[in-house]
Amino acid sequence: MTEETRMRGGSPGLAEALEDHLDRWSRRTGVTVETWALPEGDVEPRVSRAVLVAFREALANVEQHSRATTVSVAVTLGASGLRMTVSDDGIGFTAPRGGRGTAMMRAAFAELGGSLTIGGVPGEGTTVTGVIPTR
């Protein structure tokens, strides 16, 4: 069963889908995952979908480009909205490359009035941060 399928109709929520994906991804890649926070309670399905799109792409980029040994993840839900942060300890970058995956992540958040930024420091890693405000 895919994460998207599990998210429908009263099935497990975003936190469980993220934990499941992180567990499988970490076992497959050998990259250590530090989970700092996951959302408690219900997250609107369209917000969950946007987070999953960006989350999967951020981890795919870690796997393909970063040479990271550790990824730190935090997804929080508060009165002002949802915030997602995925940071790695990989090689970082000096100038971001804007590919299809980056555009897809930004579009998923922008569709809901949110924003997504990607920052890197050479030799220290990359951080993807997305925010979706409460409507």
C-alpha atoms as a PDB file:
ATOM      1  CA  MET A   1       0.000   0.000   0.000  1.00  0.00           C
ATOM      2  CA  THR A   2       1.447   3.413  -0.935  1.00  0.00           C
ATOM      3  CA  GLU A   3       1.724   6.356   1.453  1.00  0.00           C
ATOM      4  CA  GLU A   4      -0.814   8.260  -0.645  1.00  0.00           C
ATOM      5  CA  THR A   5      -3.340   5.415  -0.418  1.00  0.00           C
ATOM      6  CA  ARG A   6      -2.908   5.162   3.352  1.00  0.00           C
ATOM      7  CA  MET A   7      -3.579   8.906   3.672  1.00  0.00           C
ATOM      8  CA  ARG A   8      -7.163   8.588   2.358  1.00  0.00           C
ATOM      9  CA  GLY A   9     -10.324   8.212   4.387  1.00  0.00           C
ATOM     10  CA  GLY A  10      -9.533   7.871   8.068  1.00  0.00           C
ATOM     11  CA  SER A  11      -6.448   5.741   7.528  1.00  0.00           C
ATOM     12  CA  PRO A  12      -3.090   6.479   9.182  1.00  0.00           C
ATOM     13  CA  GLY A  13      -2.033  10.098   9.073  1.00  0.00           C
ATOM     14  CA  LEU A  14       0.910  12.095   7.846  1.00  0.00           C
ATOM     15  CA  ALA A  15       3.210  11.276  10.765  1.00  0.00           C
ATOM     16  CA  GLU A  16       2.832   7.535  10.222  1.00  0.00           C
ATOM     17  CA  ALA A  17       3.314   7.867   6.447  1.00  0.00           C
ATOM     18  CA  LEU A  18       6.493   9.895   7.011  1.00  0.00           C
ATOM     19  CA  GLU A  19       7.844   7.427   9.586  1.00  0.00           C
ATOM     20  CA  ASP A  20       7.189   4.516   7.254  1.00  0.00           C
ATOM     21  CA  HIS A  21       8.874   6.237   4.315  1.00  0.00           C
ATOM     22  CA  LEU A  22      11.877   7.301   6.427  1.00  0.00           C
ATOM     23  CA  ASP A  23      12.329   3.788   7.790  1.00  0.00           C
ATOM     24  CA  ARG A  24      12.294   2.159   4.361  1.00  0.00           C
ATOM     25  CA  TRP A  25      14.468   4.890   2.842  1.00  0.00           C
ATOM     26  CA  SER A  26      17.075   4.680   5.614  1.00  0.00           C
ATOM     27  CA  ARG A  27      17.299   0.887   5.392  1.00  0.00           C
ATOM     28  CA  ARG A  28      17.675   1.044   1.607  1.00  0.00           C
ATOM     29  CA  THR A  29      20.252   3.877   1.490  1.00  0.00           C
ATOM     30  CA  GLY A  30      22.175   3.302   4.723  1.00  0.00           C
ATOM     31  CA  VAL A  31      21.744   6.993   5.628  1.00  0.00           C
ATOM     32  CA  THR A  32      20.966   7.575   9.309  1.00  0.00           C
ATOM     33  CA  VAL A  33      17.735   9.479   9.966  1.00  0.00           C
ATOM     34  CA  GLU A  34      17.215  11.723  12.988  1.00  0.00           C
ATOM     35  CA  THR A  35      13.538  12.539  13.435  1.00  0.00           C
ATOM     36  CA  TRP A  36      13.185  15.700  15.504  1.00  0.00           C
ATOM     37  CA  ALA A  37       9.431  16.173  15.200  1.00  0.00           C
ATOM     38  CA  LEU A  38       6.417  14.830  13.333  1.00  0.00           C
ATOM     39  CA  PRO A  39       2.945  16.376  13.283  1.00  0.00           C
ATOM     40  CA  GLU A  40       0.506  15.362  15.965  1.00  0.00           C
ATOM     41  CA  GLY A  41      -3.140  15.175  15.040  1.00  0.00           C
ATOM     42  CA  ASP A  42      -4.892  15.400  11.731  1.00  0.00           C
ATOM     43  CA  VAL A  43      -3.346  17.149   8.760  1.00  0.00           C
ATOM     44  CA  GLU A  44      -5.567  18.171   5.885  1.00  0.00           C
ATOM     45  CA  PRO A  45      -5.191  15.625   3.030  1.00  0.00           C
ATOM     46  CA  ARG A  46      -4.052  18.177   0.444  1.00  0.00           C
ATOM     47  CA  VAL A  47      -1.430  19.521   2.865  1.00  0.00           C
ATOM     48  CA  SER A  48      -0.294  15.948   3.550  1.00  0.00           C
ATOM     49  CA  ARG A  49       0.051  15.291  -0.182  1.00  0.00           C
ATOM     50  CA  ALA A  50       2.149  18.435  -0.680  1.00  0.00           C
ATOM     51  CA  VAL A  51       4.423  17.484   2.210  1.00  0.00           C
ATOM     52  CA  LEU A  52       4.853  13.947   0.895  1.00  0.00           C
ATOM     53  CA  VAL A  53       5.738  15.207  -2.591  1.00  0.00           C
ATOM     54  CA  ALA A  54       8.397  17.566  -1.242  1.00  0.00           C
ATOM     55  CA  PHE A  55       9.614  15.092   1.354  1.00  0.00           C
ATOM     56  CA  ARG A  56      10.158  12.278  -1.154  1.00  0.00           C
ATOM     57  CA  GLU A  57      11.975  14.587  -3.557  1.00  0.00           C
ATOM     58  CA  ALA A  58      14.178  16.049  -0.808  1.00  0.00           C
ATOM     59  CA  LEU A  59      15.227  12.539   0.245  1.00  0.00           C
ATOM     60  CA  ALA A  60      15.796  11.509  -3.377  1.00  0.00           C
ATOM     61  CA  ASN A  61      18.128  14.497  -3.740  1.00  0.00           C
ATOM     62  CA  VAL A  62      19.984  13.530  -0.575  1.00  0.00           C
ATOM     63  CA  GLU A  63      20.452  10.026  -1.938  1.00  0.00           C
ATOM     64  CA  GLN A  64      21.525  11.116  -5.421  1.00  0.00           C
ATOM     65  CA  HIS A  65      23.648  14.187  -4.783  1.00  0.00           C
ATOM     66  CA  SER A  66      24.662  14.853  -1.190  1.00  0.00           C
ATOM     67  CA  ARG A  67      26.885  11.983  -0.042  1.00  0.00           C
ATOM     68  CA  ALA A  68      25.307  12.525   3.383  1.00  0.00           C
ATOM     69  CA  THR A  69      25.614  10.110   6.281  1.00  0.00           C
ATOM     70  CA  THR A  70      22.809  11.676   8.342  1.00  0.00           C
ATOM     71  CA  VAL A  71      19.507  13.380   7.557  1.00  0.00           C
ATOM     72  CA  SER A  72      17.533  15.334  10.156  1.00  0.00           C
ATOM     73  CA  VAL A  73      13.786  15.757   9.716  1.00  0.00           C
ATOM     74  CA  ALA A  74      11.187  17.922  11.432  1.00  0.00           C
ATOM     75  CA  VAL A  75       7.568  18.413  10.398  1.00  0.00           C
ATOM     76  CA  THR A  76       5.532  20.510  12.815  1.00  0.00           C
ATOM     77  CA  LEU A  77       1.949  21.693  12.819  1.00  0.00           C
ATOM     78  CA  GLY A  78       0.943  24.745  14.802  1.00  0.00           C
ATOM     79  CA  ALA A  79      -1.587  27.548  14.861  1.00  0.00           C
ATOM     80  CA  SER A  80       0.226  29.390  12.055  1.00  0.00           C
ATOM     81  CA  GLY A  81       0.524  26.331   9.799  1.00  0.00           C
ATOM     82  CA  LEU A  82       2.839  23.499   8.882  1.00  0.00           C
ATOM     83  CA  ARG A  83       6.633  23.636   8.655  1.00  0.00           C
ATOM     84  CA  MET A  84       8.823  20.937   7.107  1.00  0.00           C
ATOM     85  CA  THR A  85      12.614  20.834   7.398  1.00  0.00           C
ATOM     86  CA  VAL A  86      14.911  18.214   5.872  1.00  0.00           C
ATOM     87  CA  SER A  87      18.633  18.784   6.526  1.00  0.00           C
ATOM     88  CA  ASP A  88      21.623  16.655   5.588  1.00  0.00           C
ATOM     89  CA  ASP A  89      25.305  16.628   6.475  1.00  0.00           C
ATOM     90  CA  GLY A  90      26.434  16.107   2.895  1.00  0.00           C
ATOM     91  CA  ILE A  91      28.612  18.084   0.505  1.00  0.00           C
ATOM     92  CA  GLY A  92      26.246  21.070   0.214  1.00  0.00           C
ATOM     93  CA  PHE A  93      26.487  23.469  -2.718  1.00  0.00           C
ATOM     94  CA  THR A  94      27.409  27.030  -3.620  1.00  0.00           C
ATOM     95  CA  ALA A  95      24.659  27.741  -6.155  1.00  0.00           C
ATOM     96  CA  PRO A  96      21.378  25.820  -6.205  1.00  0.00           C
ATOM     97  CA  ARG A  97      20.513  23.904  -9.333  1.00  0.00           C
ATOM     98  CA  GLY A  98      16.918  24.331 -10.359  1.00  0.00           C
ATOM     99  CA  GLY A  99      15.710  21.067 -11.805  1.00  0.00           C
ATOM    100  CA  ARG A 100      12.329  19.425 -12.220  1.00  0.00           C
ATOM    101  CA  GLY A 101      12.375  18.034  -8.702  1.00  0.00           C
ATOM    102  CA  THR A 102      13.022  21.433  -7.147  1.00  0.00           C
ATOM    103  CA  ALA A 103      10.261  22.978  -9.240  1.00  0.00           C
ATOM    104  CA  MET A 104       7.892  20.176  -8.219  1.00  0.00           C
ATOM    105  CA  MET A 105       8.618  20.684  -4.507  1.00  0.00           C
ATOM    106  CA  ARG A 106       8.103  24.452  -4.738  1.00  0.00           C
ATOM    107  CA  ALA A 107       4.899  24.051  -6.760  1.00  0.00           C
ATOM    108  CA  ALA A 108       3.421  21.601  -4.227  1.00  0.00           C
ATOM    109  CA  PHE A 109       3.834  24.185  -1.445  1.00  0.00           C
ATOM    110  CA  ALA A 110       2.931  27.227  -3.574  1.00  0.00           C
ATOM    111  CA  GLU A 111      -0.383  25.599  -4.565  1.00  0.00           C
ATOM    112  CA  LEU A 112      -1.422  25.912  -0.935  1.00  0.00           C
ATOM    113  CA  GLY A 113      -0.098  29.440  -0.433  1.00  0.00           C
ATOM    114  CA  GLY A 114       3.172  28.202   0.999  1.00  0.00           C
ATOM    115  CA  SER A 115       6.816  28.525   0.127  1.00  0.00           C
ATOM    116  CA  LEU A 116       9.858  26.293  -0.032  1.00  0.00           C
ATOM    117  CA  THR A 117      13.514  27.260   0.194  1.00  0.00           C
ATOM    118  CA  ILE A 118      16.664  25.265  -0.381  1.00  0.00           C
ATOM    119  CA  GLY A 119      19.960  26.346   1.120  1.00  0.00           C
ATOM    120  CA  GLY A 120      23.362  24.755   1.056  1.00  0.00           C
ATOM    121  CA  VAL A 121      26.770  25.342   2.578  1.00  0.00           C
ATOM    122  CA  PRO A 122      29.738  23.748   0.778  1.00  0.00           C
ATOM    123  CA  GLY A 123      31.095  20.893   2.873  1.00  0.00           C
ATOM    124  CA  GLU A 124      28.354  21.205   5.489  1.00  0.00           C
ATOM    125  CA  GLY A 125      25.122  20.097   3.850  1.00  0.00           C
ATOM    126  CA  THR A 126      21.777  21.189   2.509  1.00  0.00           C
ATOM    127  CA  THR A 127      18.515  22.225   4.144  1.00  0.00           C
ATOM    128  CA  VAL A 128      15.077  22.182   2.534  1.00  0.00           C
ATOM    129  CA  THR A 129      12.462  24.191   4.419  1.00  0.00           C
ATOM    130  CA  GLY A 130       8.818  24.446   3.449  1.00  0.00           C
ATOM    131  CA  VAL A 131       6.007  26.366   5.101  1.00  0.00           C
ATOM    132  CA  ILE A 132       2.267  26.110   4.453  1.00  0.00           C
ATOM    133  CA  PRO A 133       0.240  28.721   6.352  1.00  0.00           C
ATOM    134  CA  THR A 134      -3.084  27.909   7.977  1.00  0.00           C
ATOM    135  CA  ARG A 135      -5.969  29.149   5.871  1.00  0.00           C
END
